[in-house]
């Protein structure tokens, strides 16, 4: 069991939050904050100088205050819903620095072997050819 008492095995993808997932979460939360959603961290934890919603969203993410999960899907249709706390801790049962698979060969989230997740083909120009 980890030091915080939270244990979760990440079976799909890297055991950490990818830069794409991080950007999507911060952007979506910043939009919510700009539309009037209440912050999930106390003002004392944020500091008086933080007024930008993107910075506040980043602080909420890094503090683990966001109650959301990431859904990672394989081409076979298998998926795993991963609590964000597990990805911020680096996962259990895998090395924090990465996995044995090459991350350069994997497409970014939302892409599956040259096809968009919605099933529409990617234009050839976008694939470099």
N, C-alpha and C. Protein backbone atom coordinates (compact mmCIF):
# COMPACT_ATOMS: atom_id res chain seq x y z
N UNK A 1 0.85 -1.17 0.00
CA UNK A 1 0.00 0.00 0.00
C UNK A 1 0.90 1.23 0.00
N UNK A 2 0.48 2.27 -0.68
CA UNK A 2 1.28 3.49 -0.76
C UNK A 2 1.17 4.28 0.54
N UNK A 3 2.01 5.31 0.66
CA UNK A 3 2.05 6.08 1.89
C UNK A 3 0.75 6.82 2.17
N UNK A 4 -0.03 7.14 1.12
CA UNK A 4 -1.28 7.87 1.34
C UNK A 4 -2.46 6.94 1.57
N UNK A 5 -2.24 5.62 1.47
CA UNK A 5 -3.32 4.68 1.71
C UNK A 5 -4.17 4.42 0.47
N UNK A 6 -3.74 4.90 -0.69
CA UNK A 6 -4.49 4.75 -1.93
C UNK A 6 -3.68 3.89 -2.88
N UNK A 7 -4.29 2.80 -3.38
CA UNK A 7 -3.60 1.89 -4.27
C UNK A 7 -4.46 1.64 -5.50
N UNK A 8 -3.84 1.68 -6.68
CA UNK A 8 -4.57 1.43 -7.92
C UNK A 8 -3.58 0.98 -8.98
N UNK A 9 -3.91 -0.08 -9.71
CA UNK A 9 -3.02 -0.58 -10.76
C UNK A 9 -3.46 -0.01 -12.11
N UNK A 10 -2.54 0.70 -12.76
CA UNK A 10 -2.79 1.24 -14.09
C UNK A 10 -2.39 0.17 -15.10
N UNK A 11 -3.39 -0.37 -15.83
CA UNK A 11 -3.14 -1.45 -16.79
C UNK A 11 -2.99 -0.95 -18.22
N UNK A 12 -3.55 0.22 -18.53
CA UNK A 12 -3.54 0.74 -19.89
C UNK A 12 -2.78 2.06 -19.91
N UNK A 13 -1.75 2.13 -20.73
CA UNK A 13 -0.99 3.37 -20.88
C UNK A 13 0.05 3.55 -19.80
N UNK A 14 0.72 4.70 -19.83
CA UNK A 14 1.77 4.95 -18.83
C UNK A 14 1.18 5.15 -17.44
N UNK A 15 1.95 4.88 -16.40
CA UNK A 15 1.46 4.98 -15.03
C UNK A 15 1.41 6.41 -14.50
N UNK A 16 1.50 7.37 -15.38
CA UNK A 16 1.45 8.78 -14.98
C UNK A 16 0.52 9.52 -15.94
N UNK A 17 0.18 10.73 -15.58
CA UNK A 17 -0.66 11.58 -16.40
C UNK A 17 0.16 12.05 -17.61
N UNK A 18 -0.34 11.84 -18.83
CA UNK A 18 0.40 12.29 -20.01
C UNK A 18 0.23 13.80 -20.18
N UNK A 19 1.07 14.40 -20.99
CA UNK A 19 0.96 15.85 -21.20
C UNK A 19 -0.35 16.21 -21.89
N UNK A 20 -0.88 15.29 -22.71
CA UNK A 20 -2.15 15.54 -23.39
C UNK A 20 -3.31 15.51 -22.39
N UNK A 21 -3.29 14.53 -21.49
CA UNK A 21 -4.32 14.44 -20.47
C UNK A 21 -4.25 15.65 -19.53
N UNK A 22 -3.03 16.02 -19.15
CA UNK A 22 -2.85 17.17 -18.25
C UNK A 22 -3.40 18.44 -18.89
N UNK A 23 -3.09 18.67 -20.17
CA UNK A 23 -3.57 19.87 -20.86
C UNK A 23 -5.09 19.87 -20.96
N UNK A 24 -5.68 18.72 -21.26
CA UNK A 24 -7.13 18.63 -21.39
C UNK A 24 -7.83 18.91 -20.06
N UNK A 25 -7.30 18.36 -18.98
CA UNK A 25 -7.89 18.54 -17.66
C UNK A 25 -7.77 20.00 -17.22
N UNK A 26 -6.58 20.58 -17.36
CA UNK A 26 -6.39 21.96 -16.93
C UNK A 26 -7.26 22.90 -17.76
N UNK A 27 -7.34 22.68 -19.07
CA UNK A 27 -8.16 23.53 -19.93
C UNK A 27 -9.63 23.45 -19.58
N UNK A 28 -10.13 22.24 -19.37
CA UNK A 28 -11.55 22.06 -19.05
C UNK A 28 -11.88 22.68 -17.69
N UNK A 29 -10.99 22.47 -16.71
CA UNK A 29 -11.25 23.03 -15.37
C UNK A 29 -11.13 24.55 -15.39
N UNK A 30 -10.19 25.10 -16.16
CA UNK A 30 -10.06 26.56 -16.25
C UNK A 30 -11.32 27.16 -16.86
N UNK A 31 -11.91 26.49 -17.84
CA UNK A 31 -13.16 26.97 -18.42
C UNK A 31 -14.27 26.97 -17.37
N UNK A 32 -14.38 25.91 -16.59
CA UNK A 32 -15.38 25.85 -15.54
C UNK A 32 -15.19 26.99 -14.54
N UNK A 33 -13.95 27.24 -14.15
CA UNK A 33 -13.67 28.31 -13.19
C UNK A 33 -14.01 29.68 -13.78
N UNK A 34 -13.72 29.87 -15.06
CA UNK A 34 -14.02 31.17 -15.68
C UNK A 34 -15.52 31.40 -15.82
N UNK A 35 -16.29 30.32 -15.82
CA UNK A 35 -17.74 30.43 -15.91
C UNK A 35 -18.41 30.48 -14.53
N UNK A 36 -17.60 30.57 -13.47
CA UNK A 36 -18.15 30.78 -12.14
C UNK A 36 -18.15 29.58 -11.21
N UNK A 37 -17.54 28.47 -11.59
CA UNK A 37 -17.48 27.31 -10.69
C UNK A 37 -16.62 27.66 -9.48
N UNK A 38 -17.00 27.17 -8.31
CA UNK A 38 -16.20 27.48 -7.11
C UNK A 38 -14.88 26.69 -7.12
N UNK A 39 -13.79 27.29 -6.64
CA UNK A 39 -12.51 26.57 -6.55
C UNK A 39 -12.62 25.40 -5.57
N UNK A 40 -11.88 24.34 -5.83
CA UNK A 40 -11.89 23.15 -4.97
C UNK A 40 -10.75 23.13 -3.97
N UNK A 41 -9.94 24.18 -3.97
CA UNK A 41 -8.87 24.30 -2.98
C UNK A 41 -9.12 25.59 -2.20
N UNK A 42 -8.78 25.61 -0.91
CA UNK A 42 -8.99 26.83 -0.13
C UNK A 42 -8.10 27.97 -0.60
N UNK A 43 -8.59 29.19 -0.46
CA UNK A 43 -7.85 30.38 -0.91
C UNK A 43 -6.49 30.46 -0.22
N UNK A 44 -6.40 29.98 1.02
CA UNK A 44 -5.13 30.02 1.75
C UNK A 44 -4.08 29.12 1.10
N UNK A 45 -4.51 28.03 0.46
CA UNK A 45 -3.57 27.13 -0.21
C UNK A 45 -3.13 27.67 -1.56
N UNK A 46 -3.94 28.54 -2.15
CA UNK A 46 -3.65 29.08 -3.47
C UNK A 46 -2.70 30.26 -3.39
N UNK A 47 -2.94 31.15 -2.48
CA UNK A 47 -2.14 32.36 -2.38
C UNK A 47 -2.92 33.54 -2.94
N UNK A 48 -2.62 34.72 -2.47
CA UNK A 48 -3.37 35.91 -2.85
C UNK A 48 -3.06 36.36 -4.27
N UNK A 49 -1.90 36.02 -4.80
CA UNK A 49 -1.50 36.51 -6.11
C UNK A 49 -2.08 35.76 -7.29
N UNK A 50 -2.72 34.60 -7.07
CA UNK A 50 -3.23 33.79 -8.18
C UNK A 50 -4.61 34.27 -8.57
N UNK A 51 -4.70 34.79 -9.80
CA UNK A 51 -5.99 35.27 -10.30
C UNK A 51 -6.35 34.61 -11.63
N UNK A 52 -5.38 34.00 -12.29
CA UNK A 52 -5.61 33.34 -13.57
C UNK A 52 -6.28 31.98 -13.35
N UNK A 53 -7.31 31.69 -14.14
CA UNK A 53 -8.02 30.42 -13.98
C UNK A 53 -7.15 29.23 -14.37
N UNK A 54 -6.27 29.41 -15.33
CA UNK A 54 -5.40 28.29 -15.72
C UNK A 54 -4.45 27.93 -14.59
N UNK A 55 -3.90 28.92 -13.93
CA UNK A 55 -3.01 28.66 -12.80
C UNK A 55 -3.76 28.00 -11.65
N UNK A 56 -4.98 28.46 -11.38
CA UNK A 56 -5.80 27.87 -10.32
C UNK A 56 -6.14 26.42 -10.67
N UNK A 57 -6.46 26.16 -11.93
CA UNK A 57 -6.77 24.79 -12.37
C UNK A 57 -5.54 23.89 -12.21
N UNK A 58 -4.36 24.40 -12.51
CA UNK A 58 -3.11 23.63 -12.35
C UNK A 58 -2.89 23.29 -10.88
N UNK A 59 -3.12 24.26 -10.00
CA UNK A 59 -2.95 24.03 -8.56
C UNK A 59 -3.95 22.98 -8.07
N UNK A 60 -5.20 23.06 -8.54
CA UNK A 60 -6.20 22.06 -8.15
C UNK A 60 -5.78 20.66 -8.61
N UNK A 61 -5.27 20.56 -9.84
CA UNK A 61 -4.84 19.27 -10.36
C UNK A 61 -3.69 18.71 -9.54
N UNK A 62 -2.67 19.51 -9.31
CA UNK A 62 -1.48 19.03 -8.59
C UNK A 62 -1.77 18.71 -7.12
N UNK A 63 -2.78 19.35 -6.54
CA UNK A 63 -3.12 19.05 -5.15
C UNK A 63 -4.00 17.81 -5.03
N UNK A 64 -4.51 17.30 -6.15
CA UNK A 64 -5.36 16.12 -6.11
C UNK A 64 -6.79 16.42 -5.72
N UNK A 65 -7.20 17.68 -5.85
CA UNK A 65 -8.54 18.08 -5.42
C UNK A 65 -9.63 17.78 -6.45
N UNK A 66 -9.25 17.46 -7.68
CA UNK A 66 -10.25 17.24 -8.73
C UNK A 66 -10.79 15.81 -8.64
N UNK A 67 -12.09 15.65 -8.48
CA UNK A 67 -12.70 14.30 -8.34
C UNK A 67 -13.07 13.71 -9.71
N UNK A 68 -12.07 13.46 -10.54
CA UNK A 68 -12.36 12.93 -11.87
C UNK A 68 -11.50 11.70 -12.15
N UNK A 69 -11.89 10.97 -13.19
CA UNK A 69 -11.14 9.81 -13.65
C UNK A 69 -10.83 9.98 -15.14
N UNK A 70 -9.76 9.34 -15.58
CA UNK A 70 -9.36 9.34 -16.98
C UNK A 70 -9.75 8.00 -17.57
N UNK A 71 -10.43 8.00 -18.72
CA UNK A 71 -10.76 6.75 -19.40
C UNK A 71 -9.75 6.55 -20.52
N UNK A 72 -8.99 5.46 -20.41
CA UNK A 72 -8.03 5.08 -21.44
C UNK A 72 -8.58 3.87 -22.18
N UNK A 73 -8.60 3.96 -23.51
CA UNK A 73 -9.22 2.93 -24.33
C UNK A 73 -8.19 2.30 -25.26
N UNK A 74 -8.28 0.99 -25.43
CA UNK A 74 -7.46 0.26 -26.38
C UNK A 74 -8.23 0.08 -27.69
N UNK A 75 -7.54 -0.20 -28.81
CA UNK A 75 -8.23 -0.43 -30.08
C UNK A 75 -9.24 -1.57 -30.02
N UNK A 76 -9.03 -2.52 -29.13
CA UNK A 76 -9.95 -3.66 -29.01
C UNK A 76 -11.27 -3.27 -28.35
N UNK A 77 -11.34 -2.05 -27.82
CA UNK A 77 -12.55 -1.61 -27.13
C UNK A 77 -12.43 -1.73 -25.62
N UNK A 78 -11.41 -2.43 -25.15
CA UNK A 78 -11.19 -2.55 -23.71
C UNK A 78 -10.79 -1.18 -23.18
N UNK A 79 -11.29 -0.84 -21.99
CA UNK A 79 -10.96 0.45 -21.40
C UNK A 79 -10.75 0.31 -19.91
N UNK A 80 -10.13 1.33 -19.36
CA UNK A 80 -9.93 1.39 -17.92
C UNK A 80 -10.18 2.82 -17.46
N UNK A 81 -11.00 2.98 -16.44
CA UNK A 81 -11.22 4.28 -15.82
C UNK A 81 -10.23 4.40 -14.67
N UNK A 82 -9.36 5.41 -14.75
CA UNK A 82 -8.28 5.56 -13.79
C UNK A 82 -8.48 6.83 -12.98
N UNK A 83 -8.60 6.72 -11.65
CA UNK A 83 -8.72 7.93 -10.83
C UNK A 83 -7.47 8.80 -11.00
N UNK A 84 -7.67 10.08 -11.05
CA UNK A 84 -6.55 10.99 -11.29
C UNK A 84 -5.49 10.89 -10.20
N UNK A 85 -5.90 10.55 -8.98
CA UNK A 85 -4.93 10.39 -7.89
C UNK A 85 -3.91 9.31 -8.20
N UNK A 86 -4.35 8.24 -8.87
CA UNK A 86 -3.42 7.15 -9.21
C UNK A 86 -2.39 7.61 -10.22
N UNK A 87 -2.78 8.47 -11.15
CA UNK A 87 -1.85 8.95 -12.16
C UNK A 87 -0.91 10.01 -11.61
N UNK A 88 -1.35 10.77 -10.63
CA UNK A 88 -0.48 11.76 -10.01
C UNK A 88 0.58 11.10 -9.12
N UNK A 89 0.24 9.93 -8.56
CA UNK A 89 1.18 9.20 -7.71
C UNK A 89 2.14 8.35 -8.53
N UNK A 90 1.85 8.15 -9.80
CA UNK A 90 2.71 7.34 -10.64
C UNK A 90 2.27 5.90 -10.75
N UNK A 91 1.15 5.52 -10.15
CA UNK A 91 0.63 4.16 -10.29
C UNK A 91 1.32 3.19 -9.35
N UNK A 92 0.75 1.99 -9.24
CA UNK A 92 1.29 0.94 -8.40
C UNK A 92 1.66 -0.23 -9.30
N UNK A 93 2.81 -0.83 -9.05
CA UNK A 93 3.20 -2.01 -9.80
C UNK A 93 3.97 -1.70 -11.07
N UNK A 94 4.23 -0.44 -11.37
CA UNK A 94 5.01 -0.07 -12.53
C UNK A 94 6.02 0.99 -12.11
N UNK A 95 7.14 1.04 -12.83
CA UNK A 95 8.15 2.05 -12.52
C UNK A 95 7.62 3.44 -12.80
N UNK A 96 7.97 4.38 -11.96
CA UNK A 96 7.48 5.75 -12.12
C UNK A 96 8.03 6.41 -13.37
N UNK A 97 9.24 6.09 -13.77
CA UNK A 97 9.86 6.74 -14.91
C UNK A 97 9.28 6.33 -16.24
N UNK A 98 8.50 5.31 -16.32
CA UNK A 98 7.93 4.87 -17.59
C UNK A 98 7.79 3.37 -17.61
N UNK A 99 7.47 2.83 -18.75
CA UNK A 99 7.30 1.39 -18.87
C UNK A 99 8.37 0.84 -19.80
N UNK A 100 8.38 -0.45 -20.00
CA UNK A 100 9.38 -1.06 -20.85
C UNK A 100 9.09 -0.83 -22.32
N UNK A 101 7.85 -0.45 -22.66
CA UNK A 101 7.51 -0.16 -24.04
C UNK A 101 8.00 1.22 -24.42
N UNK A 102 8.32 1.42 -25.68
CA UNK A 102 8.76 2.72 -26.15
C UNK A 102 7.57 3.66 -26.25
N UNK A 103 7.66 4.82 -25.61
CA UNK A 103 6.55 5.77 -25.66
C UNK A 103 6.51 6.49 -27.00
N UNK A 104 7.62 6.49 -27.76
CA UNK A 104 7.65 7.17 -29.05
C UNK A 104 6.78 6.45 -30.09
N UNK A 105 6.58 5.15 -29.93
CA UNK A 105 5.80 4.38 -30.91
C UNK A 105 4.30 4.47 -30.66
N UNK A 106 3.90 4.91 -29.47
CA UNK A 106 2.48 4.98 -29.15
C UNK A 106 1.86 6.27 -29.65
N UNK A 107 0.66 6.19 -30.24
CA UNK A 107 0.00 7.42 -30.66
C UNK A 107 -0.53 8.17 -29.44
N UNK A 108 -0.76 9.47 -29.56
CA UNK A 108 -1.31 10.22 -28.43
C UNK A 108 -2.73 9.78 -28.13
N UNK A 109 -3.25 10.06 -26.91
CA UNK A 109 -4.62 9.69 -26.58
C UNK A 109 -5.59 10.29 -27.58
N UNK A 110 -6.59 9.52 -27.97
CA UNK A 110 -7.57 9.98 -28.95
C UNK A 110 -7.23 9.53 -30.35
N UNK A 111 -6.03 8.98 -30.56
CA UNK A 111 -5.63 8.51 -31.88
C UNK A 111 -5.40 7.01 -31.81
N UNK A 112 -5.82 6.30 -32.83
CA UNK A 112 -5.64 4.86 -32.88
C UNK A 112 -5.10 4.51 -34.26
N UNK A 113 -3.82 4.21 -34.36
CA UNK A 113 -3.18 3.74 -35.59
C UNK A 113 -3.57 4.57 -36.81
N UNK A 114 -3.44 5.88 -36.72
CA UNK A 114 -3.68 6.73 -37.87
C UNK A 114 -5.14 7.08 -38.11
N UNK A 115 -6.01 6.69 -37.21
CA UNK A 115 -7.43 7.02 -37.37
C UNK A 115 -7.88 7.79 -36.14
N UNK A 116 -8.72 8.76 -36.37
CA UNK A 116 -9.26 9.51 -35.24
C UNK A 116 -10.16 8.60 -34.42
N UNK A 117 -10.30 8.89 -33.17
CA UNK A 117 -11.09 8.04 -32.27
C UNK A 117 -12.54 7.94 -32.72
N UNK A 118 -13.06 8.97 -33.35
CA UNK A 118 -14.46 8.95 -33.79
C UNK A 118 -14.66 8.04 -34.99
N UNK A 119 -13.58 7.50 -35.57
CA UNK A 119 -13.70 6.57 -36.68
C UNK A 119 -13.49 7.23 -38.04
N UNK A 120 -13.30 8.54 -38.06
CA UNK A 120 -13.03 9.21 -39.33
C UNK A 120 -11.54 9.10 -39.63
N UNK A 121 -11.18 8.84 -40.89
CA UNK A 121 -9.75 8.75 -41.21
C UNK A 121 -9.07 10.11 -41.09
N UNK A 122 -7.81 10.07 -40.75
CA UNK A 122 -7.00 11.27 -40.66
C UNK A 122 -6.56 11.64 -42.07
N UNK A 123 -6.61 12.92 -42.48
CA UNK A 123 -6.18 13.29 -43.81
C UNK A 123 -4.72 12.90 -44.05
N UNK A 124 -4.37 12.46 -45.28
CA UNK A 124 -3.00 12.03 -45.56
C UNK A 124 -1.96 13.11 -45.25
N UNK A 125 -2.30 14.37 -45.44
CA UNK A 125 -1.36 15.45 -45.16
C UNK A 125 -0.99 15.48 -43.68
N UNK A 126 -1.93 15.12 -42.80
CA UNK A 126 -1.67 15.11 -41.38
C UNK A 126 -0.73 13.96 -40.97
N UNK A 127 -0.67 12.93 -41.83
CA UNK A 127 0.18 11.79 -41.55
C UNK A 127 1.57 11.94 -42.18
N UNK A 128 1.77 13.07 -42.85
CA UNK A 128 3.10 13.32 -43.44
C UNK A 128 3.25 12.74 -44.82
N UNK A 129 2.17 12.46 -45.52
CA UNK A 129 2.33 11.85 -46.84
C UNK A 129 1.36 12.30 -47.84
